[in-house]
Amino acid sequence: MTTNAAISQALRGERPSDEDVVRRIRAGDTAMFEVLMRRYNQRLYRVARGIVRDHAEAEDVLQQAYINAYTHLHQYEQRGSFAGWLTRIAVHEAFAGHRRWAQAKVTEPILGDGPCDHIASPNPDPEEAALSSELRRDLEAMIDSLAEAYRPVFVMREVEGLTTAETAEALGLSEDVVKTRLRRARAMLRDALARDGRRPGDLLRFGFERCDRMVAAVLARLGGPRRMATS
């Protein structure tokens, strides 16, 4: 049985590969699923938030994506990266959820906490505190105003740092289409990004308390360690 110490070591120590963690889960060490959640919480949040434009909805997407991934973990065949497989599940759930939330509104700022794998600091980030609230609102509004065709591409490429190939695979687009949409999104946001002065990768953080809350919520829905489906 996996202990909290083993999970902590997997997150901060030798960092076993995704495939190794998946093998352990399939073998019955289902508590190790927490490692995968903490490893990919920020990426999946950013992907979902870029599609649905709503913080609460994005968290709902994350929860359901993890439930779907856990339930169908036996279907992961390692033909591609686990990260890509998990991201496609989140993208599918985000688009499905977006249709259910047709009147979605932005419920809170999209600038949040730090990376999930790190220990939270009790003090606010000086850089975050120094960011003008007016510029933040402007940039958030401009990102949310991007058409659905451009917003996910911009978030995946510029915020999360996925490659063109990874973005294309996740969204089911050609690489040429991804490049075209990214170029247009950059042009639309050029003025706001120039005034803000921050790297896009600093946006859409998801970590610390929010990360812990997500992990706890998913584990509660799963009912703790359980047998994996086998067919």
C-alpha atoms as a PDB file:
ATOM      1  CA  MET A   1       0.000   0.000   0.000  1.00  0.00           C
ATOM      2  CA  THR A   2       1.306   3.423  -0.916  1.00  0.00           C
ATOM      3  CA  THR A   3       2.039   5.778   1.982  1.00  0.00           C
ATOM      4  CA  ASN A   4       1.976   9.564   2.000  1.00  0.00           C
ATOM      5  CA  ALA A   5       5.759   9.442   2.116  1.00  0.00           C
ATOM      6  CA  ALA A   6       5.874   7.335  -1.043  1.00  0.00           C
ATOM      7  CA  ILE A   7       3.596   9.763  -2.862  1.00  0.00           C
ATOM      8  CA  SER A   8       5.691  12.718  -1.673  1.00  0.00           C
ATOM      9  CA  GLN A   9       8.850  10.999  -2.882  1.00  0.00           C
ATOM     10  CA  ALA A  10       7.283  10.358  -6.266  1.00  0.00           C
ATOM     11  CA  LEU A  11       6.384  14.043  -6.550  1.00  0.00           C
ATOM     12  CA  ARG A  12       9.616  15.580  -5.281  1.00  0.00           C
ATOM     13  CA  GLY A  13      12.216  12.844  -5.456  1.00  0.00           C
ATOM     14  CA  GLU A  14      13.097  10.511  -8.291  1.00  0.00           C
ATOM     15  CA  ARG A  15       9.895  11.334 -10.214  1.00  0.00           C
ATOM     16  CA  PRO A  16       8.971   7.964 -11.710  1.00  0.00           C
ATOM     17  CA  SER A  17       7.760   8.143 -15.281  1.00  0.00           C
ATOM     18  CA  ASP A  18       4.048   8.380 -15.999  1.00  0.00           C
ATOM     19  CA  GLU A  19       4.176   4.888 -17.421  1.00  0.00           C
ATOM     20  CA  ASP A  20       5.720   3.516 -14.209  1.00  0.00           C
ATOM     21  CA  VAL A  21       3.028   5.199 -12.126  1.00  0.00           C
ATOM     22  CA  VAL A  22       0.301   3.845 -14.414  1.00  0.00           C
ATOM     23  CA  ARG A  23       1.723   0.329 -14.110  1.00  0.00           C
ATOM     24  CA  ARG A  24       1.654   0.589 -10.320  1.00  0.00           C
ATOM     25  CA  ILE A  25      -1.958   1.785 -10.350  1.00  0.00           C
ATOM     26  CA  ARG A  26      -3.001  -1.035 -12.661  1.00  0.00           C
ATOM     27  CA  ALA A  27      -1.232  -3.492 -10.364  1.00  0.00           C
ATOM     28  CA  GLY A  28      -3.435  -2.358  -7.489  1.00  0.00           C
ATOM     29  CA  ASP A  29      -1.515   0.570  -5.998  1.00  0.00           C
ATOM     30  CA  THR A  30      -4.392   2.898  -6.833  1.00  0.00           C
ATOM     31  CA  ALA A  31      -3.375   5.559  -4.302  1.00  0.00           C
ATOM     32  CA  MET A  32      -0.605   6.490  -6.740  1.00  0.00           C
ATOM     33  CA  PHE A  33      -3.243   8.157  -8.907  1.00  0.00           C
ATOM     34  CA  GLU A  34      -2.685  11.194  -6.702  1.00  0.00           C
ATOM     35  CA  VAL A  35       0.792  11.532  -8.221  1.00  0.00           C
ATOM     36  CA  LEU A  36      -0.684  11.873 -11.702  1.00  0.00           C
ATOM     37  CA  MET A  37      -3.248  14.411 -10.557  1.00  0.00           C
ATOM     38  CA  ARG A  38      -0.676  16.608  -8.850  1.00  0.00           C
ATOM     39  CA  ARG A  39       1.623  16.276 -11.843  1.00  0.00           C
ATOM     40  CA  TYR A  40      -0.990  17.429 -14.349  1.00  0.00           C
ATOM     41  CA  ASN A  41      -3.426  19.609 -12.401  1.00  0.00           C
ATOM     42  CA  GLN A  42      -2.027  22.867 -13.763  1.00  0.00           C
ATOM     43  CA  ARG A  43      -1.811  21.697 -17.363  1.00  0.00           C
ATOM     44  CA  LEU A  44      -5.353  20.352 -17.424  1.00  0.00           C
ATOM     45  CA  TYR A  45      -6.729  23.400 -15.646  1.00  0.00           C
ATOM     46  CA  ARG A  46      -5.134  25.673 -18.209  1.00  0.00           C
ATOM     47  CA  VAL A  47      -6.428  23.566 -21.089  1.00  0.00           C
ATOM     48  CA  ALA A  48      -9.951  23.485 -19.651  1.00  0.00           C
ATOM     49  CA  ARG A  49      -9.941  27.174 -18.678  1.00  0.00           C
ATOM     50  CA  GLY A  50      -8.881  28.113 -22.187  1.00  0.00           C
ATOM     51  CA  ILE A  51     -11.966  26.379 -23.540  1.00  0.00           C
ATOM     52  CA  VAL A  52     -14.712  27.114 -21.014  1.00  0.00           C
ATOM     53  CA  ARG A  53     -13.764  30.641 -19.810  1.00  0.00           C
ATOM     54  CA  ASP A  54     -15.082  29.949 -16.323  1.00  0.00           C
ATOM     55  CA  HIS A  55     -13.064  28.972 -13.250  1.00  0.00           C
ATOM     56  CA  ALA A  56     -15.751  26.896 -11.560  1.00  0.00           C
ATOM     57  CA  GLU A  57     -16.589  25.100 -14.786  1.00  0.00           C
ATOM     58  CA  ALA A  58     -12.905  24.427 -15.450  1.00  0.00           C
ATOM     59  CA  GLU A  59     -12.568  22.766 -12.044  1.00  0.00           C
ATOM     60  CA  ASP A  60     -15.638  20.648 -12.793  1.00  0.00           C
ATOM     61  CA  VAL A  61     -13.995  19.642 -16.060  1.00  0.00           C
ATOM     62  CA  LEU A  62     -10.826  18.620 -14.229  1.00  0.00           C
ATOM     63  CA  GLN A  63     -12.723  16.463 -11.780  1.00  0.00           C
ATOM     64  CA  GLN A  64     -14.658  14.653 -14.485  1.00  0.00           C
ATOM     65  CA  ALA A  65     -11.580  14.272 -16.690  1.00  0.00           C
ATOM     66  CA  TYR A  66      -9.723  12.558 -13.848  1.00  0.00           C
ATOM     67  CA  ILE A  67     -12.682  10.285 -13.125  1.00  0.00           C
ATOM     68  CA  ASN A  68     -12.835   9.365 -16.813  1.00  0.00           C
ATOM     69  CA  ALA A  69      -9.092   8.778 -16.986  1.00  0.00           C
ATOM     70  CA  TYR A  70      -9.080   6.590 -13.873  1.00  0.00           C
ATOM     71  CA  THR A  71     -12.065   4.579 -15.079  1.00  0.00           C
ATOM     72  CA  HIS A  72     -10.495   3.990 -18.493  1.00  0.00           C
ATOM     73  CA  LEU A  73      -6.870   3.692 -17.433  1.00  0.00           C
ATOM     74  CA  HIS A  74      -6.824   0.134 -18.754  1.00  0.00           C
ATOM     75  CA  GLN A  75      -7.363   1.597 -22.236  1.00  0.00           C
ATOM     76  CA  TYR A  76      -4.128   3.582 -22.198  1.00  0.00           C
ATOM     77  CA  GLU A  77      -1.905   1.616 -24.565  1.00  0.00           C
ATOM     78  CA  GLN A  78       1.299   3.715 -24.386  1.00  0.00           C
ATOM     79  CA  ARG A  79       1.242   4.365 -28.136  1.00  0.00           C
ATOM     80  CA  GLY A  80       1.741   8.009 -27.290  1.00  0.00           C
ATOM     81  CA  SER A  81       2.575   9.926 -24.149  1.00  0.00           C
ATOM     82  CA  PHE A  82       0.342   9.603 -21.113  1.00  0.00           C
ATOM     83  CA  ALA A  83       0.287  13.406 -20.903  1.00  0.00           C
ATOM     84  CA  GLY A  84      -1.174  13.582 -24.397  1.00  0.00           C
ATOM     85  CA  TRP A  85      -3.762  10.900 -23.633  1.00  0.00           C
ATOM     86  CA  LEU A  86      -4.837  12.681 -20.445  1.00  0.00           C
ATOM     87  CA  THR A  87      -4.941  16.064 -22.173  1.00  0.00           C
ATOM     88  CA  ARG A  88      -7.223  14.724 -24.906  1.00  0.00           C
ATOM     89  CA  ILE A  89      -9.614  13.434 -22.242  1.00  0.00           C
ATOM     90  CA  ALA A  90      -9.672  16.895 -20.629  1.00  0.00           C
ATOM     91  CA  VAL A  91     -10.220  18.615 -23.990  1.00  0.00           C
ATOM     92  CA  HIS A  92     -13.126  16.310 -24.813  1.00  0.00           C
ATOM     93  CA  GLU A  93     -14.718  16.884 -21.408  1.00  0.00           C
ATOM     94  CA  ALA A  94     -14.158  20.654 -21.633  1.00  0.00           C
ATOM     95  CA  PHE A  95     -15.938  20.936 -24.973  1.00  0.00           C
ATOM     96  CA  ALA A  96     -18.746  18.702 -23.720  1.00  0.00           C
ATOM     97  CA  GLY A  97     -19.043  20.759 -20.539  1.00  0.00           C
ATOM     98  CA  HIS A  98     -18.932  24.002 -22.493  1.00  0.00           C
ATOM     99  CA  ARG A  99     -22.014  22.940 -24.405  1.00  0.00           C
ATOM    100  CA  ARG A 100     -23.735  22.267 -21.077  1.00  0.00           C
ATOM    101  CA  TRP A 101     -22.707  25.672 -19.740  1.00  0.00           C
ATOM    102  CA  ALA A 102     -23.904  27.684 -22.738  1.00  0.00           C
ATOM    103  CA  GLN A 103     -24.293  30.867 -20.692  1.00  0.00           C
ATOM    104  CA  ALA A 104     -20.953  30.561 -18.848  1.00  0.00           C
ATOM    105  CA  LYS A 105     -19.563  33.681 -17.190  1.00  0.00           C
ATOM    106  CA  VAL A 106     -16.125  34.461 -15.787  1.00  0.00           C
ATOM    107  CA  THR A 107     -16.559  33.997 -12.041  1.00  0.00           C
ATOM    108  CA  GLU A 108     -13.142  35.037 -10.760  1.00  0.00           C
ATOM    109  CA  PRO A 109      -9.701  36.153 -11.999  1.00  0.00           C
ATOM    110  CA  ILE A 110      -7.765  33.642 -14.065  1.00  0.00           C
ATOM    111  CA  LEU A 111      -4.465  34.510 -12.402  1.00  0.00           C
ATOM    112  CA  GLY A 112      -4.085  32.133  -9.502  1.00  0.00           C
ATOM    113  CA  ASP A 113      -1.650  30.123  -7.454  1.00  0.00           C
ATOM    114  CA  GLY A 114       1.703  28.591  -8.188  1.00  0.00           C
ATOM    115  CA  PRO A 115       2.769  25.169  -9.485  1.00  0.00           C
ATOM    116  CA  CYS A 116       1.084  22.236  -7.786  1.00  0.00           C
ATOM    117  CA  ASP A 117       4.219  20.193  -7.096  1.00  0.00           C
ATOM    118  CA  HIS A 118       5.798  22.813  -4.846  1.00  0.00           C
ATOM    119  CA  ILE A 119       5.210  23.590  -1.189  1.00  0.00           C
ATOM    120  CA  ALA A 120       2.934  26.583  -0.720  1.00  0.00           C
ATOM    121  CA  SER A 121       4.401  29.769   0.700  1.00  0.00           C
ATOM    122  CA  PRO A 122       2.411  31.569   3.417  1.00  0.00           C
ATOM    123  CA  ASN A 123       3.453  34.904   1.904  1.00  0.00           C
ATOM    124  CA  PRO A 124       2.004  36.394  -1.302  1.00  0.00           C
ATOM    125  CA  ASP A 125       4.159  36.321  -4.399  1.00  0.00           C
ATOM    126  CA  PRO A 126       5.739  39.834  -4.649  1.00  0.00           C
ATOM    127  CA  GLU A 127       5.529  39.727  -8.437  1.00  0.00           C
ATOM    128  CA  GLU A 128       1.866  38.790  -8.293  1.00  0.00           C
ATOM    129  CA  ALA A 129       1.169  41.516  -5.728  1.00  0.00           C
ATOM    130  CA  ALA A 130       2.864  44.124  -7.909  1.00  0.00           C
ATOM    131  CA  LEU A 131       0.779  43.313 -10.977  1.00  0.00           C
ATOM    132  CA  SER A 132      -1.645  46.130 -11.680  1.00  0.00           C
ATOM    133  CA  SER A 133      -5.227  45.002 -11.146  1.00  0.00           C
ATOM    134  CA  GLU A 134      -6.287  47.131 -14.101  1.00  0.00           C
ATOM    135  CA  LEU A 135      -3.815  45.450 -16.447  1.00  0.00           C
ATOM    136  CA  ARG A 136      -4.809  42.066 -15.095  1.00  0.00           C
ATOM    137  CA  ARG A 137      -8.477  42.710 -15.766  1.00  0.00           C
ATOM    138  CA  ASP A 138      -7.675  43.968 -19.253  1.00  0.00           C
ATOM    139  CA  LEU A 139      -5.578  40.917 -20.094  1.00  0.00           C
ATOM    140  CA  GLU A 140      -8.093  38.496 -18.622  1.00  0.00           C
ATOM    141  CA  ALA A 141     -10.898  40.129 -20.563  1.00  0.00           C
ATOM    142  CA  MET A 142      -8.927  40.003 -23.797  1.00  0.00           C
ATOM    143  CA  ILE A 143      -8.049  36.318 -23.377  1.00  0.00           C
ATOM    144  CA  ASP A 144     -11.669  35.506 -22.640  1.00  0.00           C
ATOM    145  CA  SER A 145     -12.810  37.570 -25.615  1.00  0.00           C
ATOM    146  CA  LEU A 146     -10.829  35.444 -28.043  1.00  0.00           C
ATOM    147  CA  ALA A 147     -13.049  33.289 -30.218  1.00  0.00           C
ATOM    148  CA  GLU A 148     -13.264  29.630 -29.249  1.00  0.00           C
ATOM    149  CA  ALA A 149     -11.196  28.726 -32.296  1.00  0.00           C
ATOM    150  CA  TYR A 150      -8.222  30.754 -31.028  1.00  0.00           C
ATOM    151  CA  ARG A 151      -8.413  30.681 -27.224  1.00  0.00           C
ATOM    152  CA  PRO A 152      -7.498  27.003 -26.598  1.00  0.00           C
ATOM    153  CA  VAL A 153      -4.608  27.198 -29.063  1.00  0.00           C
ATOM    154  CA  PHE A 154      -3.214  30.315 -27.388  1.00  0.00           C
ATOM    155  CA  VAL A 155      -3.499  28.858 -23.899  1.00  0.00           C
ATOM    156  CA  MET A 156      -1.938  25.515 -24.842  1.00  0.00           C
ATOM    157  CA  ARG A 157       0.932  26.994 -26.818  1.00  0.00           C
ATOM    158  CA  GLU A 158       1.726  30.260 -25.060  1.00  0.00           C
ATOM    159  CA  VAL A 159       0.545  29.660 -21.505  1.00  0.00           C
ATOM    160  CA  GLU A 160       1.159  25.941 -20.947  1.00  0.00           C
ATOM    161  CA  GLY A 161       4.006  25.692 -23.455  1.00  0.00           C
ATOM    162  CA  LEU A 162       2.826  22.648 -25.386  1.00  0.00           C
ATOM    163  CA  THR A 163       4.420  22.059 -28.764  1.00  0.00           C
ATOM    164  CA  THR A 164       2.546  22.637 -31.996  1.00  0.00           C
ATOM    165  CA  ALA A 165       2.300  18.871 -32.481  1.00  0.00           C
ATOM    166  CA  GLU A 166       0.959  18.298 -28.956  1.00  0.00           C
ATOM    167  CA  THR A 167      -1.606  21.065 -29.348  1.00  0.00           C
ATOM    168  CA  ALA A 168      -2.713  19.760 -32.722  1.00  0.00           C
ATOM    169  CA  GLU A 169      -3.120  16.232 -31.381  1.00  0.00           C
ATOM    170  CA  ALA A 170      -5.080  17.361 -28.324  1.00  0.00           C
ATOM    171  CA  LEU A 171      -7.476  19.526 -30.324  1.00  0.00           C
ATOM    172  CA  GLY A 172      -7.743  17.244 -33.346  1.00  0.00           C
ATOM    173  CA  LEU A 173      -6.337  19.900 -35.691  1.00  0.00           C
ATOM    174  CA  SER A 174      -3.555  19.972 -38.238  1.00  0.00           C
ATOM    175  CA  GLU A 175      -0.298  21.638 -37.233  1.00  0.00           C
ATOM    176  CA  ASP A 176      -0.795  24.258 -39.939  1.00  0.00           C
ATOM    177  CA  VAL A 177      -4.168  25.220 -38.473  1.00  0.00           C
ATOM    178  CA  VAL A 178      -2.622  25.487 -34.999  1.00  0.00           C
ATOM    179  CA  LYS A 179       0.122  27.776 -36.306  1.00  0.00           C
ATOM    180  CA  THR A 180      -2.390  29.987 -38.109  1.00  0.00           C
ATOM    181  CA  ARG A 181      -4.706  30.295 -35.124  1.00  0.00           C
ATOM    182  CA  LEU A 182      -1.820  31.016 -32.761  1.00  0.00           C
ATOM    183  CA  ARG A 183      -0.505  33.746 -35.026  1.00  0.00           C
ATOM    184  CA  ARG A 184      -3.919  35.398 -35.134  1.00  0.00           C
ATOM    185  CA  ALA A 185      -4.433  35.083 -31.371  1.00  0.00           C
ATOM    186  CA  ARG A 186      -1.034  36.661 -30.725  1.00  0.00           C
ATOM    187  CA  ALA A 187      -1.945  39.556 -32.978  1.00  0.00           C
ATOM    188  CA  MET A 188      -5.218  40.081 -31.126  1.00  0.00           C
ATOM    189  CA  LEU A 189      -3.486  40.095 -27.725  1.00  0.00           C
ATOM    190  CA  ARG A 190      -0.285  41.912 -28.725  1.00  0.00           C
ATOM    191  CA  ASP A 191      -1.123  45.265 -27.135  1.00  0.00           C
ATOM    192  CA  ALA A 192      -2.369  43.767 -23.853  1.00  0.00           C
ATOM    193  CA  LEU A 193       0.664  41.505 -23.497  1.00  0.00           C
ATOM    194  CA  ALA A 194       3.044  44.355 -24.281  1.00  0.00           C
ATOM    195  CA  ARG A 195       1.475  46.585 -21.629  1.00  0.00           C
ATOM    196  CA  ASP A 196       1.392  43.781 -19.076  1.00  0.00           C
ATOM    197  CA  GLY A 197       5.053  42.929 -19.470  1.00  0.00           C
ATOM    198  CA  ARG A 198       4.708  39.350 -18.177  1.00  0.00           C
ATOM    199  CA  ARG A 199       5.331  36.064 -19.939  1.00  0.00           C
ATOM    200  CA  PRO A 200       2.127  34.216 -20.921  1.00  0.00           C
ATOM    201  CA  GLY A 201       3.473  31.237 -18.973  1.00  0.00           C
ATOM    202  CA  ASP A 202       2.879  33.203 -15.771  1.00  0.00           C
ATOM    203  CA  LEU A 203      -0.872  33.142 -16.374  1.00  0.00           C
ATOM    204  CA  LEU A 204      -3.520  30.611 -15.363  1.00  0.00           C
ATOM    205  CA  ARG A 205      -1.671  29.199 -12.375  1.00  0.00           C
ATOM    206  CA  PHE A 206      -3.339  26.355 -10.510  1.00  0.00           C
ATOM    207  CA  GLY A 207      -1.691  25.175  -7.345  1.00  0.00           C
ATOM    208  CA  PHE A 208      -1.329  25.088  -3.587  1.00  0.00           C
ATOM    209  CA  GLU A 209      -4.762  25.076  -1.894  1.00  0.00           C
ATOM    210  CA  ARG A 210      -6.651  24.739  -5.170  1.00  0.00           C
ATOM    211  CA  CYS A 211      -4.486  21.766  -6.106  1.00  0.00           C
ATOM    212  CA  ASP A 212      -5.085  20.096  -2.755  1.00  0.00           C
ATOM    213  CA  ARG A 213      -8.807  20.740  -3.043  1.00  0.00           C
ATOM    214  CA  MET A 214      -8.938  19.173  -6.502  1.00  0.00           C
ATOM    215  CA  VAL A 215      -7.053  16.063  -5.399  1.00  0.00           C
ATOM    216  CA  ALA A 216      -9.278  15.643  -2.344  1.00  0.00           C
ATOM    217  CA  ALA A 217     -12.457  16.084  -4.403  1.00  0.00           C
ATOM    218  CA  VAL A 218     -11.460  13.492  -6.995  1.00  0.00           C
ATOM    219  CA  LEU A 219     -10.320  10.960  -4.391  1.00  0.00           C
ATOM    220  CA  ALA A 220     -13.615  11.449  -2.550  1.00  0.00           C
ATOM    221  CA  ARG A 221     -15.569  10.765  -5.738  1.00  0.00           C
ATOM    222  CA  LEU A 222     -13.474   7.680  -6.398  1.00  0.00           C
ATOM    223  CA  GLY A 223     -14.121   6.481  -2.870  1.00  0.00           C
ATOM    224  CA  GLY A 224     -10.458   5.906  -2.070  1.00  0.00           C
ATOM    225  CA  PRO A 225      -8.278   3.101  -3.464  1.00  0.00           C
ATOM    226  CA  ARG A 226     -10.305   0.699  -5.557  1.00  0.00           C
ATOM    227  CA  ARG A 227     -10.012  -2.012  -8.173  1.00  0.00           C
ATOM    228  CA  MET A 228      -9.285  -0.923 -11.706  1.00  0.00           C
ATOM    229  CA  ALA A 229     -11.515  -1.897 -14.621  1.00  0.00           C
ATOM    230  CA  THR A 230      -9.870  -4.545 -16.783  1.00  0.00           C
ATOM    231  CA  SER A 231     -11.921  -4.508 -19.954  1.00  0.00           C
END
